């Protein structure tokens, strides 16, 4: 799914304005513009951001491609150890729910997803092609 880049809370207002001036307005656009290391270096230089932070934006946008995953759940998945859609494809729903429960001790989300929801996320992730290259 495509969300406005402002939904990725790790992107500050200045960086978001620069990205918008580059024609990057959605998470899908961000993912297209940051899929290779070379592209991420270019965006990092334009925004004055560390390349590692740009990679974090890209992986968040990648996780947000899965139906039902917005910024909050994308961040919860990151803290639970899921970096990309490709990582999500191979997760056990029961174990992932437990990891997310542990990760949510920081109160990242108000409502933890149920195991059935996580199963749907995993099934949806299996339908998506990997985008980010390292």
C-alpha atoms as a PDB file:
ATOM      1  CA  UNK A   1       0.000   0.000   0.000  1.00  0.00           C
ATOM      2  CA  UNK A   2       1.110   3.540  -0.629  1.00  0.00           C
ATOM      3  CA  UNK A   3       1.097   5.954   2.297  1.00  0.00           C
ATOM      4  CA  UNK A   4       2.289   9.579   2.347  1.00  0.00           C
ATOM      5  CA  UNK A   5       5.974   9.730   3.329  1.00  0.00           C
ATOM      6  CA  UNK A   6       4.915  11.845   6.318  1.00  0.00           C
ATOM      7  CA  UNK A   7       3.489   8.615   7.784  1.00  0.00           C
ATOM      8  CA  UNK A   8       7.060   7.393   8.326  1.00  0.00           C
ATOM      9  CA  UNK A   9       7.621   9.339  11.504  1.00  0.00           C
ATOM     10  CA  UNK A  10      11.382   8.852  11.376  1.00  0.00           C
ATOM     11  CA  UNK A  11      11.468  11.208   8.376  1.00  0.00           C
ATOM     12  CA  UNK A  12      11.663  14.746   9.698  1.00  0.00           C
ATOM     13  CA  UNK A  13       9.811  17.670   8.148  1.00  0.00           C
ATOM     14  CA  UNK A  14      12.942  19.063   6.453  1.00  0.00           C
ATOM     15  CA  UNK A  15      13.863  15.709   4.900  1.00  0.00           C
ATOM     16  CA  UNK A  16      10.236  15.169   3.864  1.00  0.00           C
ATOM     17  CA  UNK A  17      10.213  18.560   2.094  1.00  0.00           C
ATOM     18  CA  UNK A  18      13.417  17.670   0.236  1.00  0.00           C
ATOM     19  CA  UNK A  19      12.015  14.266  -0.740  1.00  0.00           C
ATOM     20  CA  UNK A  20       8.822  15.906  -2.005  1.00  0.00           C
ATOM     21  CA  UNK A  21      10.884  18.344  -4.080  1.00  0.00           C
ATOM     22  CA  UNK A  22      12.523  15.265  -5.626  1.00  0.00           C
ATOM     23  CA  UNK A  23       9.073  13.914  -6.521  1.00  0.00           C
ATOM     24  CA  UNK A  24       8.990  11.358  -3.688  1.00  0.00           C
ATOM     25  CA  UNK A  25       5.595  11.726  -2.037  1.00  0.00           C
ATOM     26  CA  UNK A  26       4.593   8.194  -1.030  1.00  0.00           C
ATOM     27  CA  UNK A  27       6.136   5.150   0.597  1.00  0.00           C
ATOM     28  CA  UNK A  28       6.052   3.385  -2.781  1.00  0.00           C
ATOM     29  CA  UNK A  29       7.927   6.293  -4.356  1.00  0.00           C
ATOM     30  CA  UNK A  30      10.438   6.248  -1.510  1.00  0.00           C
ATOM     31  CA  UNK A  31      10.998   2.533  -1.997  1.00  0.00           C
ATOM     32  CA  UNK A  32      11.571   2.991  -5.744  1.00  0.00           C
ATOM     33  CA  UNK A  33      14.061   5.795  -5.049  1.00  0.00           C
ATOM     34  CA  UNK A  34      16.008   3.891  -2.375  1.00  0.00           C
ATOM     35  CA  UNK A  35      16.132   0.272  -3.489  1.00  0.00           C
ATOM     36  CA  UNK A  36      19.868   0.172  -4.287  1.00  0.00           C
ATOM     37  CA  UNK A  37      22.835   1.284  -2.159  1.00  0.00           C
ATOM     38  CA  UNK A  38      23.749   3.880  -4.804  1.00  0.00           C
ATOM     39  CA  UNK A  39      20.244   5.358  -4.730  1.00  0.00           C
ATOM     40  CA  UNK A  40      20.289   5.485  -0.926  1.00  0.00           C
ATOM     41  CA  UNK A  41      23.618   7.339  -0.961  1.00  0.00           C
ATOM     42  CA  UNK A  42      22.161   9.897  -3.371  1.00  0.00           C
ATOM     43  CA  UNK A  43      19.082  10.454  -1.177  1.00  0.00           C
ATOM     44  CA  UNK A  44      21.283  10.664   1.938  1.00  0.00           C
ATOM     45  CA  UNK A  45      23.393  13.371   0.291  1.00  0.00           C
ATOM     46  CA  UNK A  46      20.310  15.317  -0.828  1.00  0.00           C
ATOM     47  CA  UNK A  47      18.650  15.182   2.606  1.00  0.00           C
ATOM     48  CA  UNK A  48      21.813  15.533   4.703  1.00  0.00           C
ATOM     49  CA  UNK A  49      20.977  12.245   6.406  1.00  0.00           C
ATOM     50  CA  UNK A  50      23.129   9.213   7.184  1.00  0.00           C
ATOM     51  CA  UNK A  51      22.800   6.415   4.579  1.00  0.00           C
ATOM     52  CA  UNK A  52      21.876   3.993   7.378  1.00  0.00           C
ATOM     53  CA  UNK A  53      18.898   6.206   8.271  1.00  0.00           C
ATOM     54  CA  UNK A  54      17.794   6.256   4.639  1.00  0.00           C
ATOM     55  CA  UNK A  55      17.984   2.445   4.669  1.00  0.00           C
ATOM     56  CA  UNK A  56      15.770   2.476   7.790  1.00  0.00           C
ATOM     57  CA  UNK A  57      13.226   4.633   5.917  1.00  0.00           C
ATOM     58  CA  UNK A  58      13.348   2.217   2.977  1.00  0.00           C
ATOM     59  CA  UNK A  59      12.843  -0.876   5.129  1.00  0.00           C
ATOM     60  CA  UNK A  60       9.921   0.812   6.923  1.00  0.00           C
ATOM     61  CA  UNK A  61       8.356   1.620   3.537  1.00  0.00           C
ATOM     62  CA  UNK A  62       8.986  -2.008   2.527  1.00  0.00           C
ATOM     63  CA  UNK A  63       7.166  -3.381   5.578  1.00  0.00           C
ATOM     64  CA  UNK A  64       4.309  -0.926   4.936  1.00  0.00           C
ATOM     65  CA  UNK A  65       3.681  -2.572   1.534  1.00  0.00           C
ATOM     66  CA  UNK A  66       1.940  -5.418   3.364  1.00  0.00           C
ATOM     67  CA  UNK A  67      -1.818  -4.911   3.593  1.00  0.00           C
ATOM     68  CA  UNK A  68      -2.769  -3.873   7.122  1.00  0.00           C
ATOM     69  CA  UNK A  69       0.679  -2.657   8.170  1.00  0.00           C
ATOM     70  CA  UNK A  70       0.988   1.075   8.760  1.00  0.00           C
ATOM     71  CA  UNK A  71       3.808   2.960  10.468  1.00  0.00           C
ATOM     72  CA  UNK A  72       3.069   1.746  14.015  1.00  0.00           C
ATOM     73  CA  UNK A  73       2.992  -1.942  13.115  1.00  0.00           C
ATOM     74  CA  UNK A  74       5.970  -1.503  10.774  1.00  0.00           C
ATOM     75  CA  UNK A  75       7.937  -0.071  13.711  1.00  0.00           C
ATOM     76  CA  UNK A  76       6.738  -2.838  16.045  1.00  0.00           C
ATOM     77  CA  UNK A  77       7.864  -5.451  13.511  1.00  0.00           C
ATOM     78  CA  UNK A  78      11.287  -3.758  13.251  1.00  0.00           C
ATOM     79  CA  UNK A  79      11.756  -3.863  17.014  1.00  0.00           C
ATOM     80  CA  UNK A  80      10.609  -7.513  16.979  1.00  0.00           C
ATOM     81  CA  UNK A  81      13.368  -8.318  14.452  1.00  0.00           C
ATOM     82  CA  UNK A  82      11.548  -8.151  11.101  1.00  0.00           C
ATOM     83  CA  UNK A  83      13.496  -5.849   8.810  1.00  0.00           C
ATOM     84  CA  UNK A  84      11.832  -6.372   5.416  1.00  0.00           C
ATOM     85  CA  UNK A  85       8.893  -8.051   3.706  1.00  0.00           C
ATOM     86  CA  UNK A  86      11.268 -10.855   2.776  1.00  0.00           C
ATOM     87  CA  UNK A  87      12.045 -11.413   6.481  1.00  0.00           C
ATOM     88  CA  UNK A  88       8.333 -11.473   7.293  1.00  0.00           C
ATOM     89  CA  UNK A  89       7.650 -14.227   4.730  1.00  0.00           C
ATOM     90  CA  UNK A  90       9.613 -16.778   6.731  1.00  0.00           C
ATOM     91  CA  UNK A  91       8.328 -16.006  10.230  1.00  0.00           C
ATOM     92  CA  UNK A  92       6.290 -18.301  12.435  1.00  0.00           C
ATOM     93  CA  UNK A  93       3.111 -16.394  13.412  1.00  0.00           C
ATOM     94  CA  UNK A  94       3.063 -17.710  17.007  1.00  0.00           C
ATOM     95  CA  UNK A  95       6.687 -16.806  17.635  1.00  0.00           C
ATOM     96  CA  UNK A  96       6.297 -13.418  15.965  1.00  0.00           C
ATOM     97  CA  UNK A  97       3.263 -12.526  18.091  1.00  0.00           C
ATOM     98  CA  UNK A  98       5.305 -13.368  21.196  1.00  0.00           C
ATOM     99  CA  UNK A  99       8.249 -11.259  19.971  1.00  0.00           C
ATOM    100  CA  UNK A 100       5.894  -8.367  19.279  1.00  0.00           C
ATOM    101  CA  UNK A 101       4.387  -8.690  22.747  1.00  0.00           C
ATOM    102  CA  UNK A 102       7.897  -8.401  24.235  1.00  0.00           C
ATOM    103  CA  UNK A 103       8.777  -5.498  21.936  1.00  0.00           C
ATOM    104  CA  UNK A 104       5.596  -3.656  22.852  1.00  0.00           C
ATOM    105  CA  UNK A 105       6.726  -3.251  26.451  1.00  0.00           C
ATOM    106  CA  UNK A 106       7.894   0.131  25.099  1.00  0.00           C
ATOM    107  CA  UNK A 107       4.242   0.890  24.252  1.00  0.00           C
ATOM    108  CA  UNK A 108       4.808   1.195  20.488  1.00  0.00           C
ATOM    109  CA  UNK A 109       1.184   0.314  19.690  1.00  0.00           C
ATOM    110  CA  UNK A 110      -2.015   0.470  21.698  1.00  0.00           C
ATOM    111  CA  UNK A 111      -3.410  -2.782  20.345  1.00  0.00           C
ATOM    112  CA  UNK A 112      -1.266  -5.821  19.572  1.00  0.00           C
ATOM    113  CA  UNK A 113      -2.284  -7.736  16.446  1.00  0.00           C
ATOM    114  CA  UNK A 114      -3.882 -11.124  16.926  1.00  0.00           C
ATOM    115  CA  UNK A 115      -2.169 -14.258  15.645  1.00  0.00           C
ATOM    116  CA  UNK A 116      -4.719 -14.526  12.806  1.00  0.00           C
ATOM    117  CA  UNK A 117      -3.812 -10.992  11.683  1.00  0.00           C
ATOM    118  CA  UNK A 118      -0.105 -11.839  11.721  1.00  0.00           C
ATOM    119  CA  UNK A 119      -0.841 -14.975   9.675  1.00  0.00           C
ATOM    120  CA  UNK A 120      -2.556 -12.752   7.055  1.00  0.00           C
ATOM    121  CA  UNK A 121       0.433 -10.402   7.037  1.00  0.00           C
ATOM    122  CA  UNK A 122       2.762 -13.337   6.407  1.00  0.00           C
ATOM    123  CA  UNK A 123       0.542 -14.679   3.619  1.00  0.00           C
ATOM    124  CA  UNK A 124       0.379 -11.220   2.019  1.00  0.00           C
ATOM    125  CA  UNK A 125       4.166 -10.826   2.357  1.00  0.00           C
ATOM    126  CA  UNK A 126       4.669 -14.094   0.467  1.00  0.00           C
ATOM    127  CA  UNK A 127       2.888 -12.539  -2.528  1.00  0.00           C
ATOM    128  CA  UNK A 128       5.268  -9.564  -2.675  1.00  0.00           C
ATOM    129  CA  UNK A 129       8.587  -9.532  -4.501  1.00  0.00           C
ATOM    130  CA  UNK A 130      11.737  -8.366  -2.665  1.00  0.00           C
ATOM    131  CA  UNK A 131      12.578  -4.775  -3.596  1.00  0.00           C
ATOM    132  CA  UNK A 132      15.537  -3.613  -1.503  1.00  0.00           C
ATOM    133  CA  UNK A 133      19.010  -4.588  -2.694  1.00  0.00           C
ATOM    134  CA  UNK A 134      22.094  -4.555  -0.495  1.00  0.00           C
END
